[in-house]
PDB file of N, CA and C in Angstrom:
ATOM      1  N   MET A   1     160.348  96.090  10.974  1.00  0.00           N
ATOM      2  CA  MET A   1     161.788  95.872  11.029  1.00  0.00           C
ATOM      3  C   MET A   1     162.399  96.982  11.874  1.00  0.00           C
ATOM      4  N   THR A   2     163.127  96.610  12.897  1.00  0.00           N
ATOM      5  CA  THR A   2     163.713  97.618  13.774  1.00  0.00           C
ATOM      6  C   THR A   2     164.962  98.215  13.156  1.00  0.00           C
ATOM      7  N   SER A   3     165.335  99.391  13.670  1.00  0.00           N
ATOM      8  CA  SER A   3     166.517 100.058  13.132  1.00  0.00           C
ATOM      9  C   SER A   3     167.782  99.256  13.405  1.00  0.00           C
ATOM     10  N   ILE A   4     167.798  98.478  14.487  1.00  0.00           N
ATOM     11  CA  ILE A   4     168.972  97.644  14.768  1.00  0.00           C
ATOM     12  C   ILE A   4     169.138  96.616  13.659  1.00  0.00           C
ATOM     13  N   LEU A   5     168.069  95.998  13.241  1.00  0.00           N
ATOM     14  CA  LEU A   5     168.126  95.013  12.163  1.00  0.00           C
ATOM     15  C   LEU A   5     168.560  95.670  10.856  1.00  0.00           C
ATOM     16  N   ILE A   6     168.050  96.871  10.577  1.00  0.00           N
ATOM     17  CA  ILE A   6     168.444  97.603   9.365  1.00  0.00           C
ATOM     18  C   ILE A   6     169.931  97.912   9.412  1.00  0.00           C
ATOM     19  N   ASP A   7     170.420  98.367  10.559  1.00  0.00           N
ATOM     20  CA  ASP A   7     171.849  98.651  10.699  1.00  0.00           C
ATOM     21  C   ASP A   7     172.672  97.383  10.469  1.00  0.00           C
ATOM     22  N   ASP A   8     172.187  96.254  11.001  1.00  0.00           N
ATOM     23  CA  ASP A   8     172.902  94.978  10.824  1.00  0.00           C
ATOM     24  C   ASP A   8     172.957  94.588   9.349  1.00  0.00           C
ATOM     25  N   ILE A   9     171.852  94.764   8.648  1.00  0.00           N
ATOM     26  CA  ILE A   9     171.810  94.434   7.227  1.00  0.00           C
ATOM     27  C   ILE A   9     172.768  95.330   6.455  1.00  0.00           C
ATOM     28  N   GLU A  10     172.755  96.625   6.755  1.00  0.00           N
ATOM     29  CA  GLU A  10     173.683  97.557   6.094  1.00  0.00           C
ATOM     30  C   GLU A  10     175.127  97.130   6.336  1.00  0.00           C
ATOM     31  N   ASP A  11     175.440  96.807   7.592  1.00  0.00           N
ATOM     32  CA  ASP A  11     176.807  96.401   7.927  1.00  0.00           C
ATOM     33  C   ASP A  11     177.222  95.157   7.148  1.00  0.00           C
ATOM     34  N   ILE A  12     176.343  94.190   7.067  1.00  0.00           N
ATOM     35  CA  ILE A  12     176.654  92.944   6.359  1.00  0.00           C
ATOM     36  C   ILE A  12     176.863  93.213   4.869  1.00  0.00           C
ATOM     37  N   LEU A  13     175.978  94.006   4.271  1.00  0.00           N
ATOM     38  CA  LEU A  13     176.087  94.284   2.839  1.00  0.00           C
ATOM     39  C   LEU A  13     177.363  95.039   2.491  1.00  0.00           C
ATOM     40  N   VAL A  14     177.797  95.910   3.387  1.00  0.00           N
ATOM     41  CA  VAL A  14     179.022  96.673   3.132  1.00  0.00           C
ATOM     42  C   VAL A  14     180.257  95.848   3.503  1.00  0.00           C
ATOM     43  N   SER A  15     180.253  95.218   4.681  1.00  0.00           N
ATOM     44  CA  SER A  15     181.448  94.480   5.132  1.00  0.00           C
ATOM     45  C   SER A  15     181.723  93.256   4.270  1.00  0.00           C
ATOM     46  N   SER A  16     180.691  92.677   3.666  1.00  0.00           N
ATOM     47  CA  SER A  16     180.902  91.501   2.813  1.00  0.00           C
ATOM     48  C   SER A  16     181.371  91.884   1.409  1.00  0.00           C
ATOM     49  N   GLY A  17     181.344  93.189   1.123  1.00  0.00           N
ATOM     50  CA  GLY A  17     181.803  93.648  -0.186  1.00  0.00           C
ATOM     51  C   GLY A  17     180.722  93.673  -1.250  1.00  0.00           C
ATOM     52  N   ILE A  18     179.488  93.354  -0.873  1.00  0.00           N
ATOM     53  CA  ILE A  18     178.386  93.433  -1.846  1.00  0.00           C
ATOM     54  C   ILE A  18     178.223  94.870  -2.304  1.00  0.00           C
ATOM     55  N   TYR A  19     178.362  95.803  -1.365  1.00  0.00           N
ATOM     56  CA  TYR A  19     178.364  97.234  -1.666  1.00  0.00           C
ATOM     57  C   TYR A  19     179.662  97.819  -1.124  1.00  0.00           C
ATOM     58  N   PRO A  20     180.283  98.731  -1.874  1.00  0.00           N
ATOM     59  CA  PRO A  20     181.560  99.279  -1.413  1.00  0.00           C
ATOM     60  C   PRO A  20     181.425 100.208  -0.206  1.00  0.00           C
ATOM     61  N   ASN A  21     180.229 100.819  -0.054  1.00  0.00           N
ATOM     62  CA  ASN A  21     180.015 101.727   1.072  1.00  0.00           C
ATOM     63  C   ASN A  21     178.514 101.954   1.261  1.00  0.00           C
ATOM     64  N   ARG A  22     178.184 102.612   2.367  1.00  0.00           N
ATOM     65  CA  ARG A  22     176.772 102.846   2.711  1.00  0.00           C
ATOM     66  C   ARG A  22     176.096 103.746   1.680  1.00  0.00           C
ATOM     67  N   LYS A  23     176.816 104.740   1.168  1.00  0.00           N
ATOM     68  CA  LYS A  23     176.242 105.665   0.194  1.00  0.00           C
ATOM     69  C   LYS A  23     175.773 104.914  -1.059  1.00  0.00           C
ATOM     70  N   THR A  24     176.591 104.022  -1.569  1.00  0.00           N
ATOM     71  CA  THR A  24     176.234 103.247  -2.757  1.00  0.00           C
ATOM     72  C   THR A  24     175.032 102.342  -2.467  1.00  0.00           C
ATOM     73  N   LEU A  25     175.011 101.751  -1.287  1.00  0.00           N
ATOM     74  CA  LEU A  25     173.883 100.917  -0.869  1.00  0.00           C
ATOM     75  C   LEU A  25     172.593 101.725  -0.858  1.00  0.00           C
ATOM     76  N   LEU A  26     172.631 102.914  -0.271  1.00  0.00           N
ATOM     77  CA  LEU A  26     171.433 103.756  -0.205  1.00  0.00           C
ATOM     78  C   LEU A  26     170.985 104.205  -1.601  1.00  0.00           C
ATOM     79  N   GLU A  27     171.936 104.583  -2.451  1.00  0.00           N
ATOM     80  CA  GLU A  27     171.583 104.990  -3.813  1.00  0.00           C
ATOM     81  C   GLU A  27     170.880 103.857  -4.549  1.00  0.00           C
ATOM     82  N   ASP A  28     171.416 102.647  -4.428  1.00  0.00           N
ATOM     83  CA  ASP A  28     170.808 101.490  -5.083  1.00  0.00           C
ATOM     84  C   ASP A  28     169.419 101.207  -4.505  1.00  0.00           C
ATOM     85  N   SER A  29     169.291 101.359  -3.197  1.00  0.00           N
ATOM     86  CA  SER A  29     167.993 101.130  -2.539  1.00  0.00           C
ATOM     87  C   SER A  29     166.951 102.131  -3.015  1.00  0.00           C
ATOM     88  N   TYR A  30     167.356 103.399  -3.140  1.00  0.00           N
ATOM     89  CA  TYR A  30     166.417 104.419  -3.628  1.00  0.00           C
ATOM     90  C   TYR A  30     166.007 104.146  -5.073  1.00  0.00           C
ATOM     91  N   ARG A  31     166.974 103.757  -5.906  1.00  0.00           N
ATOM     92  CA  ARG A  31     166.638 103.444  -7.302  1.00  0.00           C
ATOM     93  C   ARG A  31     165.609 102.318  -7.366  1.00  0.00           C
ATOM     94  N   ALA A  32     165.811 101.277  -6.562  1.00  0.00           N
ATOM     95  CA  ALA A  32     164.873 100.156  -6.538  1.00  0.00           C
ATOM     96  C   ALA A  32     163.497 100.608  -6.048  1.00  0.00           C
ATOM     97  N   LEU A  33     163.482 101.462  -5.042  1.00  0.00           N
ATOM     98  CA  LEU A  33     162.220 101.979  -4.507  1.00  0.00           C
ATOM     99  C   LEU A  33     161.472 102.774  -5.569  1.00  0.00           C
ATOM    100  N   PHE A  34     162.181 103.641  -6.289  1.00  0.00           N
ATOM    101  CA  PHE A  34     161.533 104.454  -7.315  1.00  0.00           C
ATOM    102  C   PHE A  34     161.049 103.605  -8.480  1.00  0.00           C
ATOM    103  N   ARG A  35     161.798 102.561  -8.841  1.00  0.00           N
ATOM    104  CA  ARG A  35     161.361 101.671  -9.931  1.00  0.00           C
ATOM    105  C   ARG A  35     160.097 100.923  -9.543  1.00  0.00           C
ATOM    106  N   SER A  36     160.008 100.529  -8.277  1.00  0.00           N
ATOM    107  CA  SER A  36     158.854  99.751  -7.842  1.00  0.00           C
ATOM    108  C   SER A  36     157.630 100.620  -7.568  1.00  0.00           C
ATOM    109  N   GLY A  37     157.841 101.917  -7.392  1.00  0.00           N
ATOM    110  CA  GLY A  37     156.723 102.810  -7.091  1.00  0.00           C
ATOM    111  C   GLY A  37     156.783 104.096  -7.870  1.00  0.00           C
ATOM    112  N   PRO A  38     156.424 104.051  -9.176  1.00  0.00           N
ATOM    113  CA  PRO A  38     156.512 105.270  -9.982  1.00  0.00           C
ATOM    114  C   PRO A  38     155.678 106.422  -9.433  1.00  0.00           C
ATOM    115  N   GLU A  39     154.638 106.118  -8.704  1.00  0.00           N
ATOM    116  CA  GLU A  39     153.812 107.176  -8.118  1.00  0.00           C
ATOM    117  C   GLU A  39     154.620 107.958  -7.080  1.00  0.00           C
ATOM    118  N   LEU A  40     155.489 107.261  -6.370  1.00  0.00           N
ATOM    119  CA  LEU A  40     156.356 107.921  -5.397  1.00  0.00           C
ATOM    120  C   LEU A  40     157.297 108.897  -6.102  1.00  0.00           C
ATOM    121  N   THR A  41     157.842 108.482  -7.226  1.00  0.00           N
ATOM    122  CA  THR A  41     158.731 109.337  -8.002  1.00  0.00           C
ATOM    123  C   THR A  41     157.995 110.602  -8.433  1.00  0.00           C
ATOM    124  N   ARG A  42     156.766 110.450  -8.876  1.00  0.00           N
ATOM    125  CA  ARG A  42     155.975 111.615  -9.289  1.00  0.00           C
ATOM    126  C   ARG A  42     155.698 112.542  -8.121  1.00  0.00           C
ATOM    127  N   LYS A  43     155.371 111.979  -6.977  1.00  0.00           N
ATOM    128  CA  LYS A  43     155.103 112.811  -5.801  1.00  0.00           C
ATOM    129  C   LYS A  43     156.343 113.614  -5.410  1.00  0.00           C
ATOM    130  N   ILE A  44     157.496 112.978  -5.487  1.00  0.00           N
ATOM    131  CA  ILE A  44     158.738 113.674  -5.150  1.00  0.00           C
ATOM    132  C   ILE A  44     159.001 114.793  -6.152  1.00  0.00           C
ATOM    133  N   ALA A  45     158.815 114.516  -7.439  1.00  0.00           N
ATOM    134  CA  ALA A  45     159.027 115.539  -8.468  1.00  0.00           C
ATOM    135  C   ALA A  45     158.068 116.709  -8.264  1.00  0.00           C
ATOM    136  N   LEU A  46     156.811 116.425  -7.949  1.00  0.00           N
ATOM    137  CA  LEU A  46     155.834 117.484  -7.702  1.00  0.00           C
ATOM    138  C   LEU A  46     156.246 118.324  -6.489  1.00  0.00           C
ATOM    139  N   GLU A  47     156.688 117.659  -5.463  1.00  0.00           N
ATOM    140  CA  GLU A  47     157.115 118.361  -4.250  1.00  0.00           C
ATOM    141  C   GLU A  47     158.329 119.246  -4.532  1.00  0.00           C
ATOM    142  N   LEU A  48     159.308 118.695  -5.237  1.00  0.00           N
ATOM    143  CA  LEU A  48     160.501 119.478  -5.569  1.00  0.00           C
ATOM    144  C   LEU A  48     160.145 120.678  -6.443  1.00  0.00           C
ATOM    145  N   TYR A  49     159.271 120.463  -7.426  1.00  0.00           N
ATOM    146  CA  TYR A  49     158.887 121.566  -8.312  1.00  0.00           C
ATOM    147  C   TYR A  49     158.119 122.637  -7.538  1.00  0.00           C
ATOM    148  N   SER A  50     157.201 122.211  -6.686  1.00  0.00           N
ATOM    149  CA  SER A  50     156.383 123.188  -5.955  1.00  0.00           C
ATOM    150  C   SER A  50     157.227 124.030  -4.995  1.00  0.00           C
ATOM    151  N   HIS A  51     158.388 123.520  -4.593  1.00  0.00           N
ATOM    152  CA  HIS A  51     159.297 124.277  -3.722  1.00  0.00           C
ATOM    153  C   HIS A  51     160.419 124.947  -4.514  1.00  0.00           C
ATOM    154  N   HIS A  52     160.249 124.995  -5.827  1.00  0.00           N
ATOM    155  CA  HIS A  52     161.199 125.668  -6.729  1.00  0.00           C
ATOM    156  C   HIS A  52     162.613 125.096  -6.639  1.00  0.00           C
ATOM    157  N   GLU A  53     162.696 123.787  -6.397  1.00  0.00           N
ATOM    158  CA  GLU A  53     164.002 123.141  -6.290  1.00  0.00           C
ATOM    159  C   GLU A  53     164.431 122.500  -7.614  1.00  0.00           C
ATOM    160  N   ILE A  54     163.476 122.293  -8.521  1.00  0.00           N
ATOM    161  CA  ILE A  54     163.790 121.761  -9.842  1.00  0.00           C
ATOM    162  C   ILE A  54     163.000 122.538 -10.884  1.00  0.00           C
ATOM    163  N   SER A  55     163.469 122.469 -12.112  1.00  0.00           N
ATOM    164  CA  SER A  55     162.798 123.160 -13.209  1.00  0.00           C
ATOM    165  C   SER A  55     161.667 122.298 -13.760  1.00  0.00           C
ATOM    166  N   LEU A  56     160.887 122.906 -14.608  1.00  0.00           N
ATOM    167  CA  LEU A  56     159.811 122.205 -15.300  1.00  0.00           C
ATOM    168  C   LEU A  56     160.392 121.048 -16.121  1.00  0.00           C
ATOM    169  N   THR A  57     161.465 121.319 -16.821  1.00  0.00           N
ATOM    170  CA  THR A  57     162.097 120.290 -17.650  1.00  0.00           C
ATOM    171  C   THR A  57     162.614 119.136 -16.799  1.00  0.00           C
ATOM    172  N   ARG A  58     163.268 119.454 -15.681  1.00  0.00           N
ATOM    173  CA  ARG A  58     163.798 118.403 -14.801  1.00  0.00           C
ATOM    174  C   ARG A  58     162.663 117.606 -14.182  1.00  0.00           C
ATOM    175  N   GLY A  59     161.579 118.256 -13.802  1.00  0.00           N
ATOM    176  CA  GLY A  59     160.426 117.551 -13.249  1.00  0.00           C
ATOM    177  C   GLY A  59     159.847 116.566 -14.244  1.00  0.00           C
ATOM    178  N   ALA A  60     159.717 117.003 -15.494  1.00  0.00           N
ATOM    179  CA  ALA A  60     159.202 116.115 -16.544  1.00  0.00           C
ATOM    180  C   ALA A  60     160.139 114.928 -16.729  1.00  0.00           C
ATOM    181  N   GLU A  61     161.425 115.202 -16.715  1.00  0.00           N
ATOM    182  CA  GLU A  61     162.419 114.144 -16.895  1.00  0.00           C
ATOM    183  C   GLU A  61     162.333 113.117 -15.766  1.00  0.00           C
ATOM    184  N   ILE A  62     162.241 113.583 -14.540  1.00  0.00           N
ATOM    185  CA  ILE A  62     162.148 112.687 -13.384  1.00  0.00           C
ATOM    186  C   ILE A  62     160.927 111.781 -13.503  1.00  0.00           C
ATOM    187  N   CYS A  63     159.821 112.356 -13.967  1.00  0.00           N
ATOM    188  CA  CYS A  63     158.571 111.596 -14.083  1.00  0.00           C
ATOM    189  C   CYS A  63     158.509 110.735 -15.340  1.00  0.00           C
ATOM    190  N   GLY A  64     159.434 110.935 -16.257  1.00  0.00           N
ATOM    191  CA  GLY A  64     159.382 110.195 -17.520  1.00  0.00           C
ATOM    192  C   GLY A  64     158.273 110.701 -18.423  1.00  0.00           C
ATOM    193  N   LEU A  65     157.976 111.993 -18.320  1.00  0.00           N
ATOM    194  CA  LEU A  65     156.915 112.601 -19.111  1.00  0.00           C
ATOM    195  C   LEU A  65     157.494 113.683 -20.011  1.00  0.00           C
ATOM    196  N   ASN A  66     156.731 114.039 -21.045  1.00  0.00           N
ATOM    197  CA  ASN A  66     157.131 115.232 -21.791  1.00  0.00           C
ATOM    198  C   ASN A  66     156.649 116.449 -20.997  1.00  0.00           C
ATOM    199  N   ILE A  67     157.108 117.615 -21.385  1.00  0.00           N
ATOM    200  CA  ILE A  67     156.810 118.824 -20.609  1.00  0.00           C
ATOM    201  C   ILE A  67     155.313 119.093 -20.532  1.00  0.00           C
ATOM    202  N   GLU A  68     154.613 118.917 -21.636  1.00  0.00           N
ATOM    203  CA  GLU A  68     153.165 119.191 -21.619  1.00  0.00           C
ATOM    204  C   GLU A  68     152.427 118.249 -20.671  1.00  0.00           C
ATOM    205  N   ASN A  69     152.807 116.987 -20.636  1.00  0.00           N
ATOM    206  CA  ASN A  69     152.161 116.051 -19.714  1.00  0.00           C
ATOM    207  C   ASN A  69     152.521 116.363 -18.260  1.00  0.00           C
ATOM    208  N   PHE A  70     153.759 116.825 -18.040  1.00  0.00           N
ATOM    209  CA  PHE A  70     154.143 117.225 -16.682  1.00  0.00           C
ATOM    210  C   PHE A  70     153.347 118.454 -16.253  1.00  0.00           C
ATOM    211  N   LYS A  71     153.136 119.398 -17.169  1.00  0.00           N
ATOM    212  CA  LYS A  71     152.304 120.568 -16.852  1.00  0.00           C
ATOM    213  C   LYS A  71     150.896 120.132 -16.462  1.00  0.00           C
ATOM    214  N   GLU A  72     150.360 119.161 -17.182  1.00  0.00           N
ATOM    215  CA  GLU A  72     149.023 118.653 -16.867  1.00  0.00           C
ATOM    216  C   GLU A  72     149.015 118.008 -15.481  1.00  0.00           C
ATOM    217  N   LEU A  73     150.051 117.259 -15.166  1.00  0.00           N
ATOM    218  CA  LEU A  73     150.175 116.649 -13.847  1.00  0.00           C
ATOM    219  C   LEU A  73     150.231 117.725 -12.760  1.00  0.00           C
ATOM    220  N   LEU A  74     150.952 118.795 -13.020  1.00  0.00           N
ATOM    221  CA  LEU A  74     151.003 119.912 -12.072  1.00  0.00           C
ATOM    222  C   LEU A  74     149.618 120.505 -11.865  1.00  0.00           C
ATOM    223  N   ARG A  75     148.905 120.766 -12.977  1.00  0.00           N
ATOM    224  CA  ARG A  75     147.545 121.327 -12.875  1.00  0.00           C
ATOM    225  C   ARG A  75     146.615 120.393 -12.104  1.00  0.00           C
ATOM    226  N   GLU A  76     146.700 119.093 -12.391  1.00  0.00           N
ATOM    227  CA  GLU A  76     145.841 118.111 -11.703  1.00  0.00           C
ATOM    228  C   GLU A  76     146.088 118.104 -10.198  1.00  0.00           C
ATOM    229  N   ASN A  77     147.297 118.475  -9.798  1.00  0.00           N
ATOM    230  CA  ASN A  77     147.654 118.481  -8.386  1.00  0.00           C
ATOM    231  C   ASN A  77     147.621 119.875  -7.772  1.00  0.00           C
ATOM    232  N   GLY A  78     147.046 120.834  -8.500  1.00  0.00           N
ATOM    233  CA  GLY A  78     146.867 122.180  -7.977  1.00  0.00           C
ATOM    234  C   GLY A  78     148.156 122.954  -7.791  1.00  0.00           C
ATOM    235  N   ILE A  79     149.171 122.625  -8.575  1.00  0.00           N
ATOM    236  CA  ILE A  79     150.456 123.311  -8.474  1.00  0.00           C
ATOM    237  C   ILE A  79     150.582 124.274  -9.641  1.00  0.00           C
ATOM    238  N   SER A  80     150.834 125.541  -9.322  1.00  0.00           N
ATOM    239  CA  SER A  80     150.938 126.536 -10.385  1.00  0.00           C
ATOM    240  C   SER A  80     152.255 126.389 -11.130  1.00  0.00           C
ATOM    241  N   ILE A  81     152.194 126.723 -12.403  1.00  0.00           N
ATOM    242  CA  ILE A  81     153.361 126.657 -13.271  1.00  0.00           C
ATOM    243  C   ILE A  81     153.969 128.044 -13.312  1.00  0.00           C
ATOM    244  N   ASP A  82     155.188 128.135 -12.808  1.00  0.00           N
ATOM    245  CA  ASP A  82     155.857 129.425 -12.710  1.00  0.00           C
ATOM    246  C   ASP A  82     156.917 129.566 -13.789  1.00  0.00           C
ATOM    247  N   ILE A  83     156.996 130.763 -14.313  1.00  0.00           N
ATOM    248  CA  ILE A  83     158.110 131.117 -15.185  1.00  0.00           C
ATOM    249  C   ILE A  83     158.916 132.110 -14.360  1.00  0.00           C
ATOM    250  N   THR A  84     160.011 131.643 -13.832  1.00  0.00           N
ATOM    251  CA  THR A  84     160.836 132.470 -12.964  1.00  0.00           C
ATOM    252  C   THR A  84     161.860 133.237 -13.786  1.00  0.00           C
ATOM    253  N   PRO A  85     162.441 134.277 -13.209  1.00  0.00           N
ATOM    254  CA  PRO A  85     163.495 134.998 -13.934  1.00  0.00           C
ATOM    255  C   PRO A  85     164.629 134.080 -14.378  1.00  0.00           C
ATOM    256  N   ASP A  86     164.959 133.070 -13.572  1.00  0.00           N
ATOM    257  CA  ASP A  86     166.000 132.125 -13.966  1.00  0.00           C
ATOM    258  C   ASP A  86     165.620 131.432 -15.269  1.00  0.00           C
ATOM    259  N   THR A  87     164.342 131.041 -15.365  1.00  0.00           N
ATOM    260  CA  THR A  87     163.882 130.365 -16.566  1.00  0.00           C
ATOM    261  C   THR A  87     163.949 131.302 -17.764  1.00  0.00           C
ATOM    262  N   VAL A  88     163.531 132.541 -17.583  1.00  0.00           N
ATOM    263  CA  VAL A  88     163.584 133.528 -18.655  1.00  0.00           C
ATOM    264  C   VAL A  88     165.034 133.762 -19.068  1.00  0.00           C
ATOM    265  N   ASP A  89     165.925 133.890 -18.082  1.00  0.00           N
ATOM    266  CA  ASP A  89     167.346 134.073 -18.388  1.00  0.00           C
ATOM    267  C   ASP A  89     167.904 132.881 -19.145  1.00  0.00           C
ATOM    268  N   GLU A  90     167.478 131.676 -18.756  1.00  0.00           N
ATOM    269  CA  GLU A  90     167.931 130.475 -19.455  1.00  0.00           C
ATOM    270  C   GLU A  90     167.472 130.498 -20.908  1.00  0.00           C
ATOM    271  N   VAL A  91     166.229 130.913 -21.137  1.00  0.00           N
ATOM    272  CA  VAL A  91     165.702 130.982 -22.501  1.00  0.00           C
ATOM    273  C   VAL A  91     166.502 131.991 -23.320  1.00  0.00           C
ATOM    274  N   HIS A  92     166.746 133.163 -22.747  1.00  0.00           N
ATOM    275  CA  HIS A  92     167.535 134.176 -23.457  1.00  0.00           C
ATOM    276  C   HIS A  92     168.934 133.656 -23.775  1.00  0.00           C
ATOM    277  N   SER A  93     169.527 132.970 -22.826  1.00  0.00           N
ATOM    278  CA  SER A  93     170.858 132.401 -23.034  1.00  0.00           C
ATOM    279  C   SER A  93     170.847 131.371 -24.153  1.00  0.00           C
ATOM    280  N   ASP A  94     169.813 130.509 -24.156  1.00  0.00           N
ATOM    281  CA  ASP A  94     169.685 129.508 -25.214  1.00  0.00           C
ATOM    282  C   ASP A  94     169.487 130.161 -26.583  1.00  0.00           C
ATOM    283  N   VAL A  95     168.660 131.197 -26.636  1.00  0.00           N
ATOM    284  CA  VAL A  95     168.423 131.903 -27.889  1.00  0.00           C
ATOM    285  C   VAL A  95     169.711 132.542 -28.374  1.00  0.00           C
ATOM    286  N   ASP A  96     170.446 133.189 -27.469  1.00  0.00           N
ATOM    287  CA  ASP A  96     171.724 133.797 -27.836  1.00  0.00           C
ATOM    288  C   ASP A  96     172.696 132.762 -28.379  1.00  0.00           C
ATOM    289  N   ALA A  97     172.731 131.605 -27.726  1.00  0.00           N
ATOM    290  CA  ALA A  97     173.634 130.537 -28.181  1.00  0.00           C
ATOM    291  C   ALA A  97     173.247 130.034 -29.558  1.00  0.00           C
ATOM    292  N   LEU A  98     171.944 129.892 -29.790  1.00  0.00           N
ATOM    293  CA  LEU A  98     171.464 129.428 -31.103  1.00  0.00           C
ATOM    294  C   LEU A  98     171.772 130.469 -32.186  1.00  0.00           C
ATOM    295  N   LEU A  99     171.544 131.736 -31.864  1.00  0.00           N
ATOM    296  CA  LEU A  99     171.821 132.794 -32.844  1.00  0.00           C
ATOM    297  C   LEU A  99     173.320 132.880 -33.127  1.00  0.00           C
ATOM    298  N   GLY A 100     174.123 132.656 -32.085  1.00  0.00           N
ATOM    299  CA  GLY A 100     175.555 132.686 -32.264  1.00  0.00           C
ATOM    300  C   GLY A 100     176.049 131.526 -33.127  1.00  0.00           C
ATOM    301  N   ALA A 101     175.351 130.422 -33.076  1.00  0.00           N
ATOM    302  CA  ALA A 101     175.742 129.256 -33.879  1.00  0.00           C
ATOM    303  C   ALA A 101     175.399 129.453 -35.351  1.00  0.00           C
ATOM    304  N   LEU A 102     174.466 130.343 -35.643  1.00  0.00           N
ATOM    305  CA  LEU A 102     174.083 130.597 -37.036  1.00  0.00           C
ATOM    306  C   LEU A 102     175.130 131.477 -37.639  1.00  0.00           C
TER     307      LEU A 102
END
């Protein structure tokens, strides 16, 4: 499919009112792509985590896994599990909040 045809399809979907704008069309397209290819979603989560763009918890959430299973997925793909100062600070903040609630 050529880019001209893709542009034409985008124009039709937006101009006909099926989608209010190109951004909404792209978001819906990505959601459909991720639903149809869960392996793609996992690869993206692994890539984001390995570049320190998402946390361990967010990576697990994206993959639909619990944290321990996401850690296993990281190990299987040769990605080290880092505890960064941000993560440590977040834990301290959470502990402080919990202690304050008591």
